[in-house]
Amino acid sequence: MDTVHTFPKTERLCSRKAIEALFAGGNRSLSAFPLRVVYRVSDGESTQVLMSVSKRHFKHAVDRNRTKRQLREAWRLHRDILPPQPRLHLAFIWLADELQPSDLIQRKVKNLLHRIREQLAD
């Protein structure tokens, strides 16, 4: 089985302690509307990702779930843009109040990942 195009449980950021550390001060953040990404270098085994779509933006769960599914797909397809080292904790946060097409989301995720790679190289 090709592990490059999967999104295993080990890549999901679930630890409350890690999430609190991610959103504590001093971590980097980038925006590309309708997304914002917060990231920090971690000492974990793999890069882990959190997808957040607020109920404030979408009242219906079906819309929140669709958006998170689009984000996961964009991450799955473009995560190889980031270098394998250092390991990161990332949080993709949805900012828009309306649904967006999947190709736009993929372009924005790709843009953000390229910008993170450039900042890590500095």
PDB file of N, CA and C in Angstrom:
ATOM      1  N   MET A   1       0.837  -1.183   0.000  1.00  0.00           N
ATOM      2  CA  MET A   1       0.000   0.000   0.000  1.00  0.00           C
ATOM      3  C   MET A   1       0.876   1.237   0.000  1.00  0.00           C
ATOM      4  N   ASP A   2       0.496   2.232  -0.753  1.00  0.00           N
ATOM      5  CA  ASP A   2       1.255   3.464  -0.882  1.00  0.00           C
ATOM      6  C   ASP A   2       0.931   4.382   0.291  1.00  0.00           C
ATOM      7  N   THR A   3       1.892   4.602   1.195  1.00  0.00           N
ATOM      8  CA  THR A   3       1.637   5.411   2.386  1.00  0.00           C
ATOM      9  C   THR A   3       1.726   6.902   2.119  1.00  0.00           C
ATOM     10  N   VAL A   4       2.201   7.273   0.941  1.00  0.00           N
ATOM     11  CA  VAL A   4       2.328   8.693   0.624  1.00  0.00           C
ATOM     12  C   VAL A   4       0.954   9.355   0.547  1.00  0.00           C
ATOM     13  N   HIS A   5      -0.056   8.631   0.071  1.00  0.00           N
ATOM     14  CA  HIS A   5      -1.368   9.236  -0.128  1.00  0.00           C
ATOM     15  C   HIS A   5      -2.396   8.771   0.885  1.00  0.00           C
ATOM     16  N   THR A   6      -1.975   8.629   2.137  1.00  0.00           N
ATOM     17  CA  THR A   6      -2.912   8.311   3.203  1.00  0.00           C
ATOM     18  C   THR A   6      -2.814   9.393   4.269  1.00  0.00           C
ATOM     19  N   PHE A   7      -3.738   9.382   5.187  1.00  0.00           N
ATOM     20  CA  PHE A   7      -3.718  10.328   6.296  1.00  0.00           C
ATOM     21  C   PHE A   7      -3.915   9.531   7.582  1.00  0.00           C
ATOM     22  N   PRO A   8      -2.843   8.868   8.051  1.00  0.00           N
ATOM     23  CA  PRO A   8      -2.970   7.975   9.203  1.00  0.00           C
ATOM     24  C   PRO A   8      -3.177   8.734  10.517  1.00  0.00           C
ATOM     25  N   LYS A   9      -3.640   8.018  11.499  1.00  0.00           N
ATOM     26  CA  LYS A   9      -3.890   8.572  12.830  1.00  0.00           C
ATOM     27  C   LYS A   9      -2.626   9.221  13.415  1.00  0.00           C
ATOM     28  N   THR A  10      -1.457   8.688  13.091  1.00  0.00           N
ATOM     29  CA  THR A  10      -0.213   9.237  13.635  1.00  0.00           C
ATOM     30  C   THR A  10       0.065  10.650  13.140  1.00  0.00           C
ATOM     31  N   GLU A  11      -0.574  11.057  12.042  1.00  0.00           N
ATOM     32  CA  GLU A  11      -0.383  12.416  11.515  1.00  0.00           C
ATOM     33  C   GLU A  11      -1.407  13.409  12.049  1.00  0.00           C
ATOM     34  N   ARG A  12      -2.337  12.952  12.867  1.00  0.00           N
ATOM     35  CA  ARG A  12      -3.361  13.833  13.401  1.00  0.00           C
ATOM     36  C   ARG A  12      -2.926  14.357  14.752  1.00  0.00           C
ATOM     37  N   LEU A  13      -3.053  15.634  14.936  1.00  0.00           N
ATOM     38  CA  LEU A  13      -2.672  16.262  16.198  1.00  0.00           C
ATOM     39  C   LEU A  13      -3.847  16.158  17.157  1.00  0.00           C
ATOM     40  N   CYS A  14      -3.728  15.290  18.150  1.00  0.00           N
ATOM     41  CA  CYS A  14      -4.828  15.023  19.080  1.00  0.00           C
ATOM     42  C   CYS A  14      -4.482  15.369  20.524  1.00  0.00           C
ATOM     43  N   SER A  15      -3.228  15.440  20.841  1.00  0.00           N
ATOM     44  CA  SER A  15      -2.789  15.662  22.220  1.00  0.00           C
ATOM     45  C   SER A  15      -3.155  17.066  22.695  1.00  0.00           C
ATOM     46  N   ARG A  16      -3.885  17.124  23.801  1.00  0.00           N
ATOM     47  CA  ARG A  16      -4.293  18.416  24.356  1.00  0.00           C
ATOM     48  C   ARG A  16      -3.078  19.266  24.710  1.00  0.00           C
ATOM     49  N   LYS A  17      -2.064  18.633  25.261  1.00  0.00           N
ATOM     50  CA  LYS A  17      -0.847  19.349  25.656  1.00  0.00           C
ATOM     51  C   LYS A  17      -0.150  19.944  24.420  1.00  0.00           C
ATOM     52  N   ALA A  18      -0.074  19.170  23.339  1.00  0.00           N
ATOM     53  CA  ALA A  18       0.568  19.647  22.108  1.00  0.00           C
ATOM     54  C   ALA A  18      -0.247  20.772  21.471  1.00  0.00           C
ATOM     55  N   ILE A  19      -1.572  20.674  21.518  1.00  0.00           N
ATOM     56  CA  ILE A  19      -2.421  21.715  20.951  1.00  0.00           C
ATOM     57  C   ILE A  19      -2.289  23.010  21.745  1.00  0.00           C
ATOM     58  N   GLU A  20      -2.262  22.899  23.073  1.00  0.00           N
ATOM     59  CA  GLU A  20      -2.079  24.092  23.908  1.00  0.00           C
ATOM     60  C   GLU A  20      -0.724  24.738  23.640  1.00  0.00           C
ATOM     61  N   ALA A  21       0.322  23.934  23.472  1.00  0.00           N
ATOM     62  CA  ALA A  21       1.648  24.470  23.171  1.00  0.00           C
ATOM     63  C   ALA A  21       1.664  25.148  21.806  1.00  0.00           C
ATOM     64  N   LEU A  22       0.906  24.592  20.864  1.00  0.00           N
ATOM     65  CA  LEU A  22       0.848  25.173  19.523  1.00  0.00           C
ATOM     66  C   LEU A  22       0.231  26.560  19.542  1.00  0.00           C
ATOM     67  N   PHE A  23      -0.821  26.741  20.343  1.00  0.00           N
ATOM     68  CA  PHE A  23      -1.518  28.020  20.370  1.00  0.00           C
ATOM     69  C   PHE A  23      -0.988  28.969  21.436  1.00  0.00           C
ATOM     70  N   ALA A  24       0.010  28.552  22.195  1.00  0.00           N
ATOM     71  CA  ALA A  24       0.656  29.451  23.155  1.00  0.00           C
ATOM     72  C   ALA A  24       1.466  30.483  22.362  1.00  0.00           C
ATOM     73  N   GLY A  25       1.820  31.571  22.986  1.00  0.00           N
ATOM     74  CA  GLY A  25       2.552  32.628  22.293  1.00  0.00           C
ATOM     75  C   GLY A  25       3.890  32.172  21.757  1.00  0.00           C
ATOM     76  N   GLY A  26       4.375  32.887  20.754  1.00  0.00           N
ATOM     77  CA  GLY A  26       5.695  32.619  20.219  1.00  0.00           C
ATOM     78  C   GLY A  26       5.731  31.681  19.035  1.00  0.00           C
ATOM     79  N   ASN A  27       4.590  31.164  18.601  1.00  0.00           N
ATOM     80  CA  ASN A  27       4.572  30.280  17.446  1.00  0.00           C
ATOM     81  C   ASN A  27       4.230  31.070  16.193  1.00  0.00           C
ATOM     82  N   ARG A  28       4.623  30.553  15.067  1.00  0.00           N
ATOM     83  CA  ARG A  28       4.462  31.291  13.814  1.00  0.00           C
ATOM     84  C   ARG A  28       3.096  31.050  13.199  1.00  0.00           C
ATOM     85  N   SER A  29       2.643  32.060  12.465  1.00  0.00           N
ATOM     86  CA  SER A  29       1.331  31.994  11.845  1.00  0.00           C
ATOM     87  C   SER A  29       1.392  32.646  10.473  1.00  0.00           C
ATOM     88  N   LEU A  30       0.711  32.047   9.504  1.00  0.00           N
ATOM     89  CA  LEU A  30       0.610  32.604   8.156  1.00  0.00           C
ATOM     90  C   LEU A  30      -0.847  32.545   7.721  1.00  0.00           C
ATOM     91  N   SER A  31      -1.246  33.497   6.863  1.00  0.00           N
ATOM     92  CA  SER A  31      -2.614  33.494   6.353  1.00  0.00           C
ATOM     93  C   SER A  31      -2.624  33.540   4.840  1.00  0.00           C
ATOM     94  N   ALA A  32      -3.588  32.844   4.270  1.00  0.00           N
ATOM     95  CA  ALA A  32      -3.893  32.912   2.850  1.00  0.00           C
ATOM     96  C   ALA A  32      -5.404  32.667   2.797  1.00  0.00           C
ATOM     97  N   PHE A  33      -6.178  33.737   2.780  1.00  0.00           N
ATOM     98  CA  PHE A  33      -7.623  33.624   2.915  1.00  0.00           C
ATOM     99  C   PHE A  33      -8.169  32.582   1.959  1.00  0.00           C
ATOM    100  N   PRO A  34      -8.961  31.669   2.404  1.00  0.00           N
ATOM    101  CA  PRO A  34      -9.730  31.559   3.644  1.00  0.00           C
ATOM    102  C   PRO A  34      -9.068  30.719   4.735  1.00  0.00           C
ATOM    103  N   LEU A  35      -7.751  30.603   4.724  1.00  0.00           N
ATOM    104  CA  LEU A  35      -7.055  29.771   5.710  1.00  0.00           C
ATOM    105  C   LEU A  35      -6.026  30.555   6.491  1.00  0.00           C
ATOM    106  N   ARG A  36      -5.781  30.081   7.699  1.00  0.00           N
ATOM    107  CA  ARG A  36      -4.663  30.537   8.503  1.00  0.00           C
ATOM    108  C   ARG A  36      -3.993  29.280   9.018  1.00  0.00           C
ATOM    109  N   VAL A  37      -2.684  29.265   9.032  1.00  0.00           N
ATOM    110  CA  VAL A  37      -1.961  28.114   9.577  1.00  0.00           C
ATOM    111  C   VAL A  37      -1.061  28.604  10.703  1.00  0.00           C
ATOM    112  N   VAL A  38      -1.111  27.885  11.822  1.00  0.00           N
ATOM    113  CA  VAL A  38      -0.233  28.138  12.962  1.00  0.00           C
ATOM    114  C   VAL A  38       0.676  26.918  13.035  1.00  0.00           C
ATOM    115  N   TYR A  39       1.974  27.133  13.220  1.00  0.00           N
ATOM    116  CA  TYR A  39       2.886  25.985  13.255  1.00  0.00           C
ATOM    117  C   TYR A  39       4.017  26.215  14.234  1.00  0.00           C
ATOM    118  N   ARG A  40       4.580  25.111  14.669  1.00  0.00           N
ATOM    119  CA  ARG A  40       5.757  25.141  15.533  1.00  0.00           C
ATOM    120  C   ARG A  40       6.567  23.879  15.292  1.00  0.00           C
ATOM    121  N   VAL A  41       7.838  23.976  15.546  1.00  0.00           N
ATOM    122  CA  VAL A  41       8.721  22.812  15.431  1.00  0.00           C
ATOM    123  C   VAL A  41       8.468  21.935  16.654  1.00  0.00           C
ATOM    124  N   SER A  42       8.306  20.640  16.411  1.00  0.00           N
ATOM    125  CA  SER A  42       8.061  19.709  17.515  1.00  0.00           C
ATOM    126  C   SER A  42       9.186  18.689  17.569  1.00  0.00           C
ATOM    127  N   ASP A  43       9.201  17.931  18.639  1.00  0.00           N
ATOM    128  CA  ASP A  43      10.203  16.888  18.767  1.00  0.00           C
ATOM    129  C   ASP A  43       9.574  15.509  18.608  1.00  0.00           C
ATOM    130  N   GLY A  44       8.411  15.463  17.984  1.00  0.00           N
ATOM    131  CA  GLY A  44       7.687  14.204  17.791  1.00  0.00           C
ATOM    132  C   GLY A  44       8.287  13.351  16.688  1.00  0.00           C
ATOM    133  N   GLU A  45       7.646  12.213  16.463  1.00  0.00           N
ATOM    134  CA  GLU A  45       8.124  11.261  15.464  1.00  0.00           C
ATOM    135  C   GLU A  45       7.748  11.673  14.053  1.00  0.00           C
ATOM    136  N   SER A  46       6.615  12.381  13.922  1.00  0.00           N
ATOM    137  CA  SER A  46       6.166  12.777  12.584  1.00  0.00           C
ATOM    138  C   SER A  46       5.484  14.134  12.662  1.00  0.00           C
ATOM    139  N   THR A  47       5.342  14.770  11.511  1.00  0.00           N
ATOM    140  CA  THR A  47       4.605  16.023  11.435  1.00  0.00           C
ATOM    141  C   THR A  47       3.139  15.717  11.684  1.00  0.00           C
ATOM    142  N   GLN A  48       2.501  16.522  12.548  1.00  0.00           N
ATOM    143  CA  GLN A  48       1.097  16.295  12.892  1.00  0.00           C
ATOM    144  C   GLN A  48       0.278  17.530  12.556  1.00  0.00           C
ATOM    145  N   VAL A  49      -0.982  17.283  12.165  1.00  0.00           N
ATOM    146  CA  VAL A  49      -1.844  18.338  11.652  1.00  0.00           C
ATOM    147  C   VAL A  49      -3.185  18.348  12.374  1.00  0.00           C
ATOM    148  N   LEU A  50      -3.714  19.559  12.580  1.00  0.00           N
ATOM    149  CA  LEU A  50      -5.033  19.769  13.157  1.00  0.00           C
ATOM    150  C   LEU A  50      -5.830  20.598  12.161  1.00  0.00           C
ATOM    151  N   MET A  51      -7.079  20.214  11.906  1.00  0.00           N
ATOM    152  CA  MET A  51      -7.969  20.971  11.020  1.00  0.00           C
ATOM    153  C   MET A  51      -9.083  21.560  11.886  1.00  0.00           C
ATOM    154  N   SER A  52      -9.284  22.878  11.816  1.00  0.00           N
ATOM    155  CA  SER A  52     -10.290  23.518  12.651  1.00  0.00           C
ATOM    156  C   SER A  52     -11.238  24.349  11.794  1.00  0.00           C
ATOM    157  N   VAL A  53     -12.525  24.025  11.888  1.00  0.00           N
ATOM    158  CA  VAL A  53     -13.574  24.797  11.217  1.00  0.00           C
ATOM    159  C   VAL A  53     -14.604  25.118  12.285  1.00  0.00           C
ATOM    160  N   SER A  54     -14.752  26.383  12.600  1.00  0.00           N
ATOM    161  CA  SER A  54     -15.577  26.813  13.710  1.00  0.00           C
ATOM    162  C   SER A  54     -17.071  26.769  13.395  1.00  0.00           C
ATOM    163  N   LYS A  55     -17.837  26.493  14.420  1.00  0.00           N
ATOM    164  CA  LYS A  55     -19.290  26.530  14.311  1.00  0.00           C
ATOM    165  C   LYS A  55     -19.767  27.958  14.062  1.00  0.00           C
ATOM    166  N   ARG A  56     -18.937  28.909  14.416  1.00  0.00           N
ATOM    167  CA  ARG A  56     -19.260  30.318  14.180  1.00  0.00           C
ATOM    168  C   ARG A  56     -19.346  30.616  12.681  1.00  0.00           C
ATOM    169  N   HIS A  57     -18.537  29.912  11.884  1.00  0.00           N
ATOM    170  CA  HIS A  57     -18.527  30.137  10.439  1.00  0.00           C
ATOM    171  C   HIS A  57     -19.604  29.325   9.723  1.00  0.00           C
ATOM    172  N   PHE A  58     -19.812  28.089  10.172  1.00  0.00           N
ATOM    173  CA  PHE A  58     -20.803  27.207   9.539  1.00  0.00           C
ATOM    174  C   PHE A  58     -21.694  26.620  10.618  1.00  0.00           C
ATOM    175  N   LYS A  59     -22.952  26.982  10.615  1.00  0.00           N
ATOM    176  CA  LYS A  59     -23.884  26.492  11.635  1.00  0.00           C
ATOM    177  C   LYS A  59     -24.215  25.011  11.442  1.00  0.00           C
ATOM    178  N   HIS A  60     -24.208  24.543  10.204  1.00  0.00           N
ATOM    179  CA  HIS A  60     -24.578  23.161   9.925  1.00  0.00           C
ATOM    180  C   HIS A  60     -23.337  22.258   9.884  1.00  0.00           C
ATOM    181  N   ALA A  61     -23.438  21.138  10.577  1.00  0.00           N
ATOM    182  CA  ALA A  61     -22.315  20.208  10.669  1.00  0.00           C
ATOM    183  C   ALA A  61     -21.891  19.695   9.296  1.00  0.00           C
ATOM    184  N   VAL A  62     -22.853  19.533   8.396  1.00  0.00           N
ATOM    185  CA  VAL A  62     -22.519  19.020   7.067  1.00  0.00           C
ATOM    186  C   VAL A  62     -21.541  19.956   6.347  1.00  0.00           C
ATOM    187  N   ASP A  63     -21.694  21.272   6.540  1.00  0.00           N
ATOM    188  CA  ASP A  63     -20.785  22.242   5.915  1.00  0.00           C
ATOM    189  C   ASP A  63     -19.409  22.216   6.577  1.00  0.00           C
ATOM    190  N   ARG A  64     -19.376  22.100   7.907  1.00  0.00           N
ATOM    191  CA  ARG A  64     -18.091  22.006   8.612  1.00  0.00           C
ATOM    192  C   ARG A  64     -17.350  20.742   8.191  1.00  0.00           C
ATOM    193  N   ASN A  65     -18.076  19.636   8.111  1.00  0.00           N
ATOM    194  CA  ASN A  65     -17.447  18.364   7.737  1.00  0.00           C
ATOM    195  C   ASN A  65     -16.925  18.397   6.309  1.00  0.00           C
ATOM    196  N   ARG A  66     -17.668  19.026   5.400  1.00  0.00           N
ATOM    197  CA  ARG A  66     -17.224  19.135   4.004  1.00  0.00           C
ATOM    198  C   ARG A  66     -15.918  19.926   3.929  1.00  0.00           C
ATOM    199  N   THR A  67     -15.882  21.026   4.656  1.00  0.00           N
ATOM    200  CA  THR A  67     -14.695  21.876   4.643  1.00  0.00           C
ATOM    201  C   THR A  67     -13.483  21.147   5.230  1.00  0.00           C
ATOM    202  N   LYS A  68     -13.683  20.426   6.329  1.00  0.00           N
ATOM    203  CA  LYS A  68     -12.575  19.672   6.920  1.00  0.00           C
ATOM    204  C   LYS A  68     -12.104  18.565   5.976  1.00  0.00           C
ATOM    205  N   ARG A  69     -13.043  17.949   5.268  1.00  0.00           N
ATOM    206  CA  ARG A  69     -12.684  16.912   4.292  1.00  0.00           C
ATOM    207  C   ARG A  69     -11.840  17.512   3.168  1.00  0.00           C
ATOM    208  N   GLN A  70     -12.214  18.712   2.709  1.00  0.00           N
ATOM    209  CA  GLN A  70     -11.428  19.391   1.665  1.00  0.00           C
ATOM    210  C   GLN A  70     -10.029  19.722   2.180  1.00  0.00           C
ATOM    211  N   LEU A  71      -9.927  20.187   3.417  1.00  0.00           N
ATOM    212  CA  LEU A  71      -8.619  20.506   4.006  1.00  0.00           C
ATOM    213  C   LEU A  71      -7.746  19.258   4.134  1.00  0.00           C
ATOM    214  N   ARG A  72      -8.336  18.169   4.612  1.00  0.00           N
ATOM    215  CA  ARG A  72      -7.566  16.924   4.745  1.00  0.00           C
ATOM    216  C   ARG A  72      -7.058  16.440   3.396  1.00  0.00           C
ATOM    217  N   GLU A  73      -7.893  16.540   2.381  1.00  0.00           N
ATOM    218  CA  GLU A  73      -7.494  16.107   1.038  1.00  0.00           C
ATOM    219  C   GLU A  73      -6.352  16.974   0.510  1.00  0.00           C
ATOM    220  N   ALA A  74      -6.452  18.290   0.702  1.00  0.00           N
ATOM    221  CA  ALA A  74      -5.392  19.197   0.249  1.00  0.00           C
ATOM    222  C   ALA A  74      -4.084  18.880   0.979  1.00  0.00           C
ATOM    223  N   TRP A  75      -4.150  18.635   2.286  1.00  0.00           N
ATOM    224  CA  TRP A  75      -2.956  18.281   3.054  1.00  0.00           C
ATOM    225  C   TRP A  75      -2.357  16.976   2.542  1.00  0.00           C
ATOM    226  N   ARG A  76      -3.216  15.977   2.338  1.00  0.00           N
ATOM    227  CA  ARG A  76      -2.772  14.662   1.897  1.00  0.00           C
ATOM    228  C   ARG A  76      -2.029  14.735   0.569  1.00  0.00           C
ATOM    229  N   LEU A  77      -2.508  15.581  -0.331  1.00  0.00           N
ATOM    230  CA  LEU A  77      -1.894  15.686  -1.658  1.00  0.00           C
ATOM    231  C   LEU A  77      -0.620  16.525  -1.681  1.00  0.00           C
ATOM    232  N   HIS A  78      -0.508  17.487  -0.784  1.00  0.00           N
ATOM    233  CA  HIS A  78       0.602  18.446  -0.872  1.00  0.00           C
ATOM    234  C   HIS A  78       1.554  18.437   0.325  1.00  0.00           C
ATOM    235  N   ARG A  79       1.421  17.485   1.241  1.00  0.00           N
ATOM    236  CA  ARG A  79       2.287  17.490   2.425  1.00  0.00           C
ATOM    237  C   ARG A  79       3.753  17.248   2.106  1.00  0.00           C
ATOM    238  N   ASP A  80       4.036  16.663   0.947  1.00  0.00           N
ATOM    239  CA  ASP A  80       5.425  16.401   0.584  1.00  0.00           C
ATOM    240  C   ASP A  80       6.189  17.677   0.244  1.00  0.00           C
ATOM    241  N   ILE A  81       5.519  18.825   0.202  1.00  0.00           N
ATOM    242  CA  ILE A  81       6.192  20.115  -0.011  1.00  0.00           C
ATOM    243  C   ILE A  81       7.097  20.429   1.179  1.00  0.00           C
ATOM    244  N   LEU A  82       6.649  20.064   2.382  1.00  0.00           N
ATOM    245  CA  LEU A  82       7.444  20.326   3.583  1.00  0.00           C
ATOM    246  C   LEU A  82       8.619  19.362   3.656  1.00  0.00           C
ATOM    247  N   PRO A  83       9.761  19.825   4.149  1.00  0.00           N
ATOM    248  CA  PRO A  83      10.907  18.916   4.299  1.00  0.00           C
ATOM    249  C   PRO A  83      10.626  17.893   5.401  1.00  0.00           C
ATOM    250  N   PRO A  84      11.256  16.723   5.341  1.00  0.00           N
ATOM    251  CA  PRO A  84      11.009  15.701   6.368  1.00  0.00           C
ATOM    252  C   PRO A  84      11.511  16.117   7.751  1.00  0.00           C
ATOM    253  N   GLN A  85      12.500  16.971   7.790  1.00  0.00           N
ATOM    254  CA  GLN A  85      13.019  17.503   9.061  1.00  0.00           C
ATOM    255  C   GLN A  85      12.997  19.016   8.982  1.00  0.00           C
ATOM    256  N   PRO A  86      12.665  19.755   9.953  1.00  0.00           N
ATOM    257  CA  PRO A  86      12.232  19.327  11.279  1.00  0.00           C
ATOM    258  C   PRO A  86      10.769  18.888  11.280  1.00  0.00           C
ATOM    259  N   ARG A  87      10.402  18.119  12.287  1.00  0.00           N
ATOM    260  CA  ARG A  87       9.010  17.709  12.470  1.00  0.00           C
ATOM    261  C   ARG A  87       8.217  18.910  12.964  1.00  0.00           C
ATOM    262  N   LEU A  88       6.987  19.034  12.491  1.00  0.00           N
ATOM    263  CA  LEU A  88       6.165  20.189  12.832  1.00  0.00           C
ATOM    264  C   LEU A  88       4.827  19.778  13.431  1.00  0.00           C
ATOM    265  N   HIS A  89       4.235  20.706  14.174  1.00  0.00           N
ATOM    266  CA  HIS A  89       2.827  20.640  14.539  1.00  0.00           C
ATOM    267  C   HIS A  89       2.166  21.789  13.789  1.00  0.00           C
ATOM    268  N   LEU A  90       1.106  21.475  13.034  1.00  0.00           N
ATOM    269  CA  LEU A  90       0.412  22.467  12.220  1.00  0.00           C
ATOM    270  C   LEU A  90      -1.062  22.495  12.583  1.00  0.00           C
ATOM    271  N   ALA A  91      -1.665  23.688  12.522  1.00  0.00           N
ATOM    272  CA  ALA A  91      -3.116  23.816  12.686  1.00  0.00           C
ATOM    273  C   ALA A  91      -3.636  24.672  11.547  1.00  0.00           C
ATOM    274  N   PHE A  92      -4.500  24.101  10.715  1.00  0.00           N
ATOM    275  CA  PHE A  92      -5.165  24.850   9.658  1.00  0.00           C
ATOM    276  C   PHE A  92      -6.486  25.348  10.218  1.00  0.00           C
ATOM    277  N   ILE A  93      -6.686  26.664  10.194  1.00  0.00           N
ATOM    278  CA  ILE A  93      -7.880  27.282  10.760  1.00  0.00           C
ATOM    279  C   ILE A  93      -8.654  27.956   9.643  1.00  0.00           C
ATOM    280  N   TRP A  94      -9.940  27.648   9.552  1.00  0.00           N
ATOM    281  CA  TRP A  94     -10.811  28.196   8.518  1.00  0.00           C
ATOM    282  C   TRP A  94     -11.281  29.578   8.931  1.00  0.00           C
ATOM    283  N   LEU A  95     -11.185  30.565   8.021  1.00  0.00           N
ATOM    284  CA  LEU A  95     -11.537  31.949   8.333  1.00  0.00           C
ATOM    285  C   LEU A  95     -12.798  32.452   7.626  1.00  0.00           C
ATOM    286  N   ALA A  96     -13.215  31.813   6.552  1.00  0.00           N
ATOM    287  CA  ALA A  96     -14.316  32.328   5.727  1.00  0.00           C
ATOM    288  C   ALA A  96     -15.681  31.898   6.266  1.00  0.00           C
ATOM    289  N   ASP A  97     -16.704  32.638   5.876  1.00  0.00           N
ATOM    290  CA  ASP A  97     -18.075  32.318   6.269  1.00  0.00           C
ATOM    291  C   ASP A  97     -18.847  31.592   5.175  1.00  0.00           C
ATOM    292  N   GLU A  98     -18.180  31.298   4.076  1.00  0.00           N
ATOM    293  CA  GLU A  98     -18.867  30.597   2.985  1.00  0.00           C
ATOM    294  C   GLU A  98     -18.008  29.429   2.495  1.00  0.00           C
ATOM    295  N   LEU A  99     -18.678  28.479   1.865  1.00  0.00           N
ATOM    296  CA  LEU A  99     -17.987  27.319   1.308  1.00  0.00           C
ATOM    297  C   LEU A  99     -17.113  27.756   0.140  1.00  0.00           C
ATOM    298  N   GLN A 100     -16.020  27.036  -0.071  1.00  0.00           N
ATOM    299  CA  GLN A 100     -15.089  27.349  -1.148  1.00  0.00           C
ATOM    300  C   GLN A 100     -14.878  26.099  -2.004  1.00  0.00           C
ATOM    301  N   PRO A 101     -14.553  26.276  -3.286  1.00  0.00           N
ATOM    302  CA  PRO A 101     -14.277  25.111  -4.131  1.00  0.00           C
ATOM    303  C   PRO A 101     -12.965  24.430  -3.718  1.00  0.00           C
ATOM    304  N   SER A 102     -12.907  23.138  -3.954  1.00  0.00           N
ATOM    305  CA  SER A 102     -11.746  22.342  -3.544  1.00  0.00           C
ATOM    306  C   SER A 102     -10.449  22.796  -4.202  1.00  0.00           C
ATOM    307  N   ASP A 103     -10.502  23.214  -5.465  1.00  0.00           N
ATOM    308  CA  ASP A 103      -9.264  23.638  -6.136  1.00  0.00           C
ATOM    309  C   ASP A 103      -8.685  24.896  -5.497  1.00  0.00           C
ATOM    310  N   LEU A 104      -9.534  25.805  -5.027  1.00  0.00           N
ATOM    311  CA  LEU A 104      -9.056  27.007  -4.332  1.00  0.00           C
ATOM    312  C   LEU A 104      -8.378  26.613  -3.022  1.00  0.00           C
ATOM    313  N   ILE A 105      -8.998  25.724  -2.277  1.00  0.00           N
ATOM    314  CA  ILE A 105      -8.429  25.287  -1.003  1.00  0.00           C
ATOM    315  C   ILE A 105      -7.083  24.609  -1.231  1.00  0.00           C
ATOM    316  N   GLN A 106      -6.992  23.787  -2.262  1.00  0.00           N
ATOM    317  CA  GLN A 106      -5.721  23.123  -2.549  1.00  0.00           C
ATOM    318  C   GLN A 106      -4.636  24.124  -2.913  1.00  0.00           C
ATOM    319  N   ARG A 107      -4.989  25.138  -3.691  1.00  0.00           N
ATOM    320  CA  ARG A 107      -3.995  26.177  -4.041  1.00  0.00           C
ATOM    321  C   ARG A 107      -3.522  26.924  -2.798  1.00  0.00           C
ATOM    322  N   LYS A 108      -4.448  27.239  -1.892  1.00  0.00           N
ATOM    323  CA  LYS A 108      -4.088  27.984  -0.685  1.00  0.00           C
ATOM    324  C   LYS A 108      -3.229  27.147   0.258  1.00  0.00           C
ATOM    325  N   VAL A 109      -3.572  25.879   0.413  1.00  0.00           N
ATOM    326  CA  VAL A 109      -2.761  24.991   1.263  1.00  0.00           C
ATOM    327  C   VAL A 109      -1.364  24.855   0.676  1.00  0.00           C
ATOM    328  N   LYS A 110      -1.287  24.683  -0.623  1.00  0.00           N
ATOM    329  CA  LYS A 110       0.007  24.559  -1.302  1.00  0.00           C
ATOM    330  C   LYS A 110       0.834  25.827  -1.090  1.00  0.00           C
ATOM    331  N   ASN A 111       0.202  26.983  -1.238  1.00  0.00           N
ATOM    332  CA  ASN A 111       0.863  28.273  -1.019  1.00  0.00           C
ATOM    333  C   ASN A 111       1.402  28.363   0.404  1.00  0.00           C
ATOM    334  N   LEU A 112       0.571  28.028   1.388  1.00  0.00           N
ATOM    335  CA  LEU A 112       0.993  28.101   2.784  1.00  0.00           C
ATOM    336  C   LEU A 112       2.151  27.148   3.078  1.00  0.00           C
ATOM    337  N   LEU A 113       2.097  25.949   2.531  1.00  0.00           N
ATOM    338  CA  LEU A 113       3.172  24.980   2.768  1.00  0.00           C
ATOM    339  C   LEU A 113       4.488  25.441   2.149  1.00  0.00           C
ATOM    340  N   HIS A 114       4.422  26.049   0.968  1.00  0.00           N
ATOM    341  CA  HIS A 114       5.633  26.609   0.358  1.00  0.00           C
ATOM    342  C   HIS A 114       6.196  27.729   1.232  1.00  0.00           C
ATOM    343  N   ARG A 115       5.335  28.583   1.759  1.00  0.00           N
ATOM    344  CA  ARG A 115       5.800  29.685   2.608  1.00  0.00           C
ATOM    345  C   ARG A 115       6.411  29.175   3.910  1.00  0.00           C
ATOM    346  N   ILE A 116       5.836  28.126   4.484  1.00  0.00           N
ATOM    347  CA  ILE A 116       6.409  27.522   5.698  1.00  0.00           C
ATOM    348  C   ILE A 116       7.789  26.957   5.388  1.00  0.00           C
ATOM    349  N   ARG A 117       7.910  26.257   4.258  1.00  0.00           N
ATOM    350  CA  ARG A 117       9.217  25.692   3.869  1.00  0.00           C
ATOM    351  C   ARG A 117      10.263  26.792   3.718  1.00  0.00           C
ATOM    352  N   GLU A 118       9.871  27.923   3.101  1.00  0.00           N
ATOM    353  CA  GLU A 118      10.811  29.031   2.951  1.00  0.00           C
ATOM    354  C   GLU A 118      11.233  29.597   4.304  1.00  0.00           C
ATOM    355  N   GLN A 119      10.282  29.737   5.232  1.00  0.00           N
ATOM    356  CA  GLN A 119      10.622  30.269   6.556  1.00  0.00           C
ATOM    357  C   GLN A 119      11.515  29.307   7.338  1.00  0.00           C
ATOM    358  N   LEU A 120      11.309  28.007   7.159  1.00  0.00           N
ATOM    359  CA  LEU A 120      12.149  27.036   7.852  1.00  0.00           C
ATOM    360  C   LEU A 120      13.569  27.037   7.306  1.00  0.00           C
ATOM    361  N   ALA A 121      13.716  27.390   6.033  1.00  0.00           N
ATOM    362  CA  ALA A 121      15.037  27.419   5.402  1.00  0.00           C
ATOM    363  C   ALA A 121      15.860  28.612   5.892  1.00  0.00           C
ATOM    364  N   ASP A 122      15.191  29.664   6.352  1.00  0.00           N
ATOM    365  CA  ASP A 122      15.908  30.864   6.830  1.00  0.00           C
ATOM    366  C   ASP A 122      16.600  30.645   8.147  1.00  0.00           C
TER     367      ASP A 122
END
